[in-house]
C-alpha atoms as a PDB file:
ATOM      1  CA  UNK A   1     -35.016  24.376  15.732  1.00  0.00           C
ATOM      2  CA  UNK A   2     -36.013  26.845  13.032  1.00  0.00           C
ATOM      3  CA  UNK A   3     -38.387  24.949  10.754  1.00  0.00           C
ATOM      4  CA  UNK A   4     -40.266  27.615   8.799  1.00  0.00           C
ATOM      5  CA  UNK A   5     -39.258  28.979   5.444  1.00  0.00           C
ATOM      6  CA  UNK A   6     -38.971  32.763   5.698  1.00  0.00           C
ATOM      7  CA  UNK A   7     -41.779  34.659   3.990  1.00  0.00           C
ATOM      8  CA  UNK A   8     -40.084  38.062   3.865  1.00  0.00           C
ATOM      9  CA  UNK A   9     -36.757  39.789   4.222  1.00  0.00           C
ATOM     10  CA  UNK A  10     -35.390  43.271   4.763  1.00  0.00           C
ATOM     11  CA  UNK A  11     -32.118  45.206   4.680  1.00  0.00           C
ATOM     12  CA  UNK A  12     -30.705  47.168   7.599  1.00  0.00           C
ATOM     13  CA  UNK A  13     -27.432  48.661   8.771  1.00  0.00           C
ATOM     14  CA  UNK A  14     -25.972  50.565  11.699  1.00  0.00           C
ATOM     15  CA  UNK A  15     -22.841  51.912  13.321  1.00  0.00           C
ATOM     16  CA  UNK A  16     -21.696  52.760  16.829  1.00  0.00           C
ATOM     17  CA  UNK A  17     -18.867  53.588  19.177  1.00  0.00           C
ATOM     18  CA  UNK A  18     -18.378  51.667  22.410  1.00  0.00           C
ATOM     19  CA  UNK A  19     -15.913  51.043  25.208  1.00  0.00           C
ATOM     20  CA  UNK A  20     -14.923  47.668  23.696  1.00  0.00           C
ATOM     21  CA  UNK A  21     -15.260  45.810  20.407  1.00  0.00           C
ATOM     22  CA  UNK A  22     -18.160  43.799  21.838  1.00  0.00           C
ATOM     23  CA  UNK A  23     -19.950  46.928  23.059  1.00  0.00           C
ATOM     24  CA  UNK A  24     -19.455  48.787  19.797  1.00  0.00           C
ATOM     25  CA  UNK A  25     -20.762  45.826  17.776  1.00  0.00           C
ATOM     26  CA  UNK A  26     -23.752  45.532  20.103  1.00  0.00           C
ATOM     27  CA  UNK A  27     -24.378  49.255  19.625  1.00  0.00           C
ATOM     28  CA  UNK A  28     -24.203  48.892  15.840  1.00  0.00           C
ATOM     29  CA  UNK A  29     -26.823  46.135  16.021  1.00  0.00           C
ATOM     30  CA  UNK A  30     -29.026  48.363  18.190  1.00  0.00           C
ATOM     31  CA  UNK A  31     -28.560  51.224  15.699  1.00  0.00           C
ATOM     32  CA  UNK A  32     -29.616  48.832  12.908  1.00  0.00           C
ATOM     33  CA  UNK A  33     -32.781  47.905  14.835  1.00  0.00           C
ATOM     34  CA  UNK A  34     -31.789  44.281  15.396  1.00  0.00           C
ATOM     35  CA  UNK A  35     -30.048  44.557  18.754  1.00  0.00           C
ATOM     36  CA  UNK A  36     -32.823  43.015  20.844  1.00  0.00           C
ATOM     37  CA  UNK A  37     -33.248  39.869  18.740  1.00  0.00           C
ATOM     38  CA  UNK A  38     -31.304  36.624  18.948  1.00  0.00           C
ATOM     39  CA  UNK A  39     -29.578  36.595  15.583  1.00  0.00           C
ATOM     40  CA  UNK A  40     -28.256  33.401  14.106  1.00  0.00           C
ATOM     41  CA  UNK A  41     -26.237  33.014  10.953  1.00  0.00           C
ATOM     42  CA  UNK A  42     -28.279  32.097   7.905  1.00  0.00           C
ATOM     43  CA  UNK A  43     -26.862  30.803   4.655  1.00  0.00           C
ATOM     44  CA  UNK A  44     -26.758  33.096   1.627  1.00  0.00           C
ATOM     45  CA  UNK A  45     -30.094  31.990   0.183  1.00  0.00           C
ATOM     46  CA  UNK A  46     -33.300  34.027   0.060  1.00  0.00           C
ATOM     47  CA  UNK A  47     -36.066  31.481  -0.599  1.00  0.00           C
ATOM     48  CA  UNK A  48     -38.331  31.728  -3.647  1.00  0.00           C
ATOM     49  CA  UNK A  49     -41.273  34.100  -3.174  1.00  0.00           C
ATOM     50  CA  UNK A  50     -39.684  35.647  -0.045  1.00  0.00           C
ATOM     51  CA  UNK A  51     -40.996  39.220  -0.237  1.00  0.00           C
ATOM     52  CA  UNK A  52     -38.753  42.240   0.208  1.00  0.00           C
ATOM     53  CA  UNK A  53     -40.344  44.429   2.910  1.00  0.00           C
ATOM     54  CA  UNK A  54     -39.503  47.617   4.780  1.00  0.00           C
ATOM     55  CA  UNK A  55     -37.288  47.197   7.833  1.00  0.00           C
ATOM     56  CA  UNK A  56     -39.391  46.750  10.941  1.00  0.00           C
ATOM     57  CA  UNK A  57     -39.008  46.145  14.647  1.00  0.00           C
ATOM     58  CA  UNK A  58     -38.409  42.557  15.688  1.00  0.00           C
ATOM     59  CA  UNK A  59     -40.055  41.224  18.839  1.00  0.00           C
ATOM     60  CA  UNK A  60     -37.560  41.195  21.728  1.00  0.00           C
ATOM     61  CA  UNK A  61     -35.800  37.876  22.128  1.00  0.00           C
ATOM     62  CA  UNK A  62     -36.982  36.473  18.797  1.00  0.00           C
ATOM     63  CA  UNK A  63     -34.724  33.927  17.116  1.00  0.00           C
ATOM     64  CA  UNK A  64     -33.993  35.466  13.700  1.00  0.00           C
ATOM     65  CA  UNK A  65     -31.975  34.101  10.754  1.00  0.00           C
ATOM     66  CA  UNK A  66     -29.715  36.846   9.469  1.00  0.00           C
ATOM     67  CA  UNK A  67     -26.936  37.296   6.941  1.00  0.00           C
ATOM     68  CA  UNK A  68     -24.558  39.903   8.397  1.00  0.00           C
ATOM     69  CA  UNK A  69     -21.393  41.723   7.489  1.00  0.00           C
ATOM     70  CA  UNK A  70     -19.620  43.445  10.368  1.00  0.00           C
ATOM     71  CA  UNK A  71     -16.274  44.848  11.365  1.00  0.00           C
ATOM     72  CA  UNK A  72     -14.880  46.534  14.460  1.00  0.00           C
ATOM     73  CA  UNK A  73     -11.794  48.698  14.886  1.00  0.00           C
ATOM     74  CA  UNK A  74      -9.914  50.432  17.678  1.00  0.00           C
ATOM     75  CA  UNK A  75      -7.776  52.570  15.354  1.00  0.00           C
ATOM     76  CA  UNK A  76      -8.858  56.217  15.750  1.00  0.00           C
ATOM     77  CA  UNK A  77      -9.471  57.929  12.416  1.00  0.00           C
ATOM     78  CA  UNK A  78      -9.853  54.667  10.499  1.00  0.00           C
ATOM     79  CA  UNK A  79     -12.856  54.268   8.201  1.00  0.00           C
ATOM     80  CA  UNK A  80     -14.663  50.938   8.452  1.00  0.00           C
ATOM     81  CA  UNK A  81     -17.524  49.794   6.254  1.00  0.00           C
ATOM     82  CA  UNK A  82     -19.953  46.900   5.884  1.00  0.00           C
ATOM     83  CA  UNK A  83     -22.137  46.118   2.908  1.00  0.00           C
ATOM     84  CA  UNK A  84     -24.606  43.479   1.868  1.00  0.00           C
ATOM     85  CA  UNK A  85     -26.204  42.759  -1.511  1.00  0.00           C
ATOM     86  CA  UNK A  86     -28.925  40.482  -2.841  1.00  0.00           C
ATOM     87  CA  UNK A  87     -29.036  39.340  -6.457  1.00  0.00           C
ATOM     88  CA  UNK A  88     -32.614  38.580  -7.514  1.00  0.00           C
ATOM     89  CA  UNK A  89     -33.255  36.220 -10.454  1.00  0.00           C
ATOM     90  CA  UNK A  90     -35.237  36.978 -13.596  1.00  0.00           C
ATOM     91  CA  UNK A  91     -37.274  33.806 -13.263  1.00  0.00           C
ATOM     92  CA  UNK A  92     -39.854  33.778 -10.475  1.00  0.00           C
ATOM     93  CA  UNK A  93     -39.836  30.811  -8.157  1.00  0.00           C
ATOM     94  CA  UNK A  94     -36.032  30.753  -7.928  1.00  0.00           C
ATOM     95  CA  UNK A  95     -33.753  31.648  -5.038  1.00  0.00           C
ATOM     96  CA  UNK A  96     -32.055  35.005  -4.590  1.00  0.00           C
ATOM     97  CA  UNK A  97     -28.470  35.151  -3.343  1.00  0.00           C
ATOM     98  CA  UNK A  98     -27.009  37.252  -0.518  1.00  0.00           C
ATOM     99  CA  UNK A  99     -23.361  38.265  -0.317  1.00  0.00           C
ATOM    100  CA  UNK A 100     -21.739  40.343   2.403  1.00  0.00           C
ATOM    101  CA  UNK A 101     -18.446  42.165   2.770  1.00  0.00           C
ATOM    102  CA  UNK A 102     -16.802  44.269   5.479  1.00  0.00           C
ATOM    103  CA  UNK A 103     -13.396  45.947   5.495  1.00  0.00           C
ATOM    104  CA  UNK A 104     -11.408  49.027   6.361  1.00  0.00           C
ATOM    105  CA  UNK A 105     -12.185  51.700   3.817  1.00  0.00           C
ATOM    106  CA  UNK A 106     -15.131  53.513   2.320  1.00  0.00           C
ATOM    107  CA  UNK A 107     -18.642  52.142   1.900  1.00  0.00           C
ATOM    108  CA  UNK A 108     -18.782  52.676  -1.866  1.00  0.00           C
ATOM    109  CA  UNK A 109     -15.948  50.183  -2.355  1.00  0.00           C
ATOM    110  CA  UNK A 110     -17.419  47.645   0.067  1.00  0.00           C
ATOM    111  CA  UNK A 111     -20.905  47.909  -1.447  1.00  0.00           C
ATOM    112  CA  UNK A 112     -19.551  47.539  -4.981  1.00  0.00           C
ATOM    113  CA  UNK A 113     -17.679  44.366  -4.002  1.00  0.00           C
ATOM    114  CA  UNK A 114     -20.755  42.872  -2.298  1.00  0.00           C
ATOM    115  CA  UNK A 115     -22.828  43.599  -5.428  1.00  0.00           C
ATOM    116  CA  UNK A 116     -20.243  41.978  -7.716  1.00  0.00           C
ATOM    117  CA  UNK A 117     -20.075  38.892  -5.499  1.00  0.00           C
ATOM    118  CA  UNK A 118     -23.881  38.548  -5.455  1.00  0.00           C
ATOM    119  CA  UNK A 119     -24.034  38.868  -9.238  1.00  0.00           C
ATOM    120  CA  UNK A 120     -21.311  36.257  -9.734  1.00  0.00           C
ATOM    121  CA  UNK A 121     -22.816  33.854  -7.195  1.00  0.00           C
ATOM    122  CA  UNK A 122     -26.289  33.877  -8.747  1.00  0.00           C
ATOM    123  CA  UNK A 123     -24.848  33.447 -12.252  1.00  0.00           C
ATOM    124  CA  UNK A 124     -22.746  30.480 -11.047  1.00  0.00           C
ATOM    125  CA  UNK A 125     -26.039  28.840 -10.128  1.00  0.00           C
ATOM    126  CA  UNK A 126     -27.197  29.201 -13.737  1.00  0.00           C
ATOM    127  CA  UNK A 127     -29.648  32.000 -12.936  1.00  0.00           C
ATOM    128  CA  UNK A 128     -29.946  35.269 -14.834  1.00  0.00           C
ATOM    129  CA  UNK A 129     -29.859  38.380 -12.640  1.00  0.00           C
ATOM    130  CA  UNK A 130     -32.934  40.650 -12.752  1.00  0.00           C
ATOM    131  CA  UNK A 131     -31.673  43.179 -10.215  1.00  0.00           C
ATOM    132  CA  UNK A 132     -29.277  43.644  -7.354  1.00  0.00           C
ATOM    133  CA  UNK A 133     -30.219  45.553  -4.217  1.00  0.00           C
ATOM    134  CA  UNK A 134     -27.713  46.545  -1.598  1.00  0.00           C
ATOM    135  CA  UNK A 135     -27.014  48.583   1.500  1.00  0.00           C
ATOM    136  CA  UNK A 136     -23.789  49.752   3.099  1.00  0.00           C
ATOM    137  CA  UNK A 137     -22.655  51.752   6.099  1.00  0.00           C
ATOM    138  CA  UNK A 138     -19.436  53.601   6.900  1.00  0.00           C
ATOM    139  CA  UNK A 139     -18.028  54.817  10.210  1.00  0.00           C
ATOM    140  CA  UNK A 140     -14.983  56.877  11.162  1.00  0.00           C
ATOM    141  CA  UNK A 141     -13.572  55.361  14.332  1.00  0.00           C
ATOM    142  CA  UNK A 142     -13.199  57.674  17.311  1.00  0.00           C
ATOM    143  CA  UNK A 143     -12.110  55.119  19.947  1.00  0.00           C
ATOM    144  CA  UNK A 144     -13.655  51.707  19.301  1.00  0.00           C
ATOM    145  CA  UNK A 145     -16.138  51.573  16.430  1.00  0.00           C
ATOM    146  CA  UNK A 146     -18.250  48.990  14.650  1.00  0.00           C
ATOM    147  CA  UNK A 147     -20.520  48.711  11.638  1.00  0.00           C
ATOM    148  CA  UNK A 148     -23.044  46.073  10.645  1.00  0.00           C
ATOM    149  CA  UNK A 149     -25.079  45.511   7.470  1.00  0.00           C
ATOM    150  CA  UNK A 150     -27.662  42.738   7.374  1.00  0.00           C
ATOM    151  CA  UNK A 151     -30.397  40.983   5.510  1.00  0.00           C
ATOM    152  CA  UNK A 152     -32.951  39.753   8.020  1.00  0.00           C
ATOM    153  CA  UNK A 153     -35.197  36.796   7.097  1.00  0.00           C
ATOM    154  CA  UNK A 154     -38.665  36.911   8.665  1.00  0.00           C
ATOM    155  CA  UNK A 155     -41.828  34.818   8.897  1.00  0.00           C
ATOM    156  CA  UNK A 156     -44.236  37.657   8.212  1.00  0.00           C
END
């Protein structure tokens, strides 16, 4: 059981082609630098005082809480995109909120929607937004493609 509050978090994203949806999604995770970790779905909350750090390599096999947006497609020529955004509060000692979105289309649209959702979600919690950070990725499908955008919660 995961019993430690994350101390840091980072953004990452990737894309890939593969022979199947599963292989393309695995390749997108590898491209994002998180393909060798055991990812599990985290809720949309970044704990208070959880530092934003540069993306870094995760030890192989590590169990890592992650908020992910992903999509796969086997429609050649289709654009697919994934985006993730974090709304950070004005007041220190409060949570930040992660929202993710993935869809067919261009990354600017997906990233804008993720940012709007993060803003709305933090405000619904009665918190004023200081800033919103986001990342998005886009891929034009050749055969079977996938994209992934993630916020990874870490203990260092």
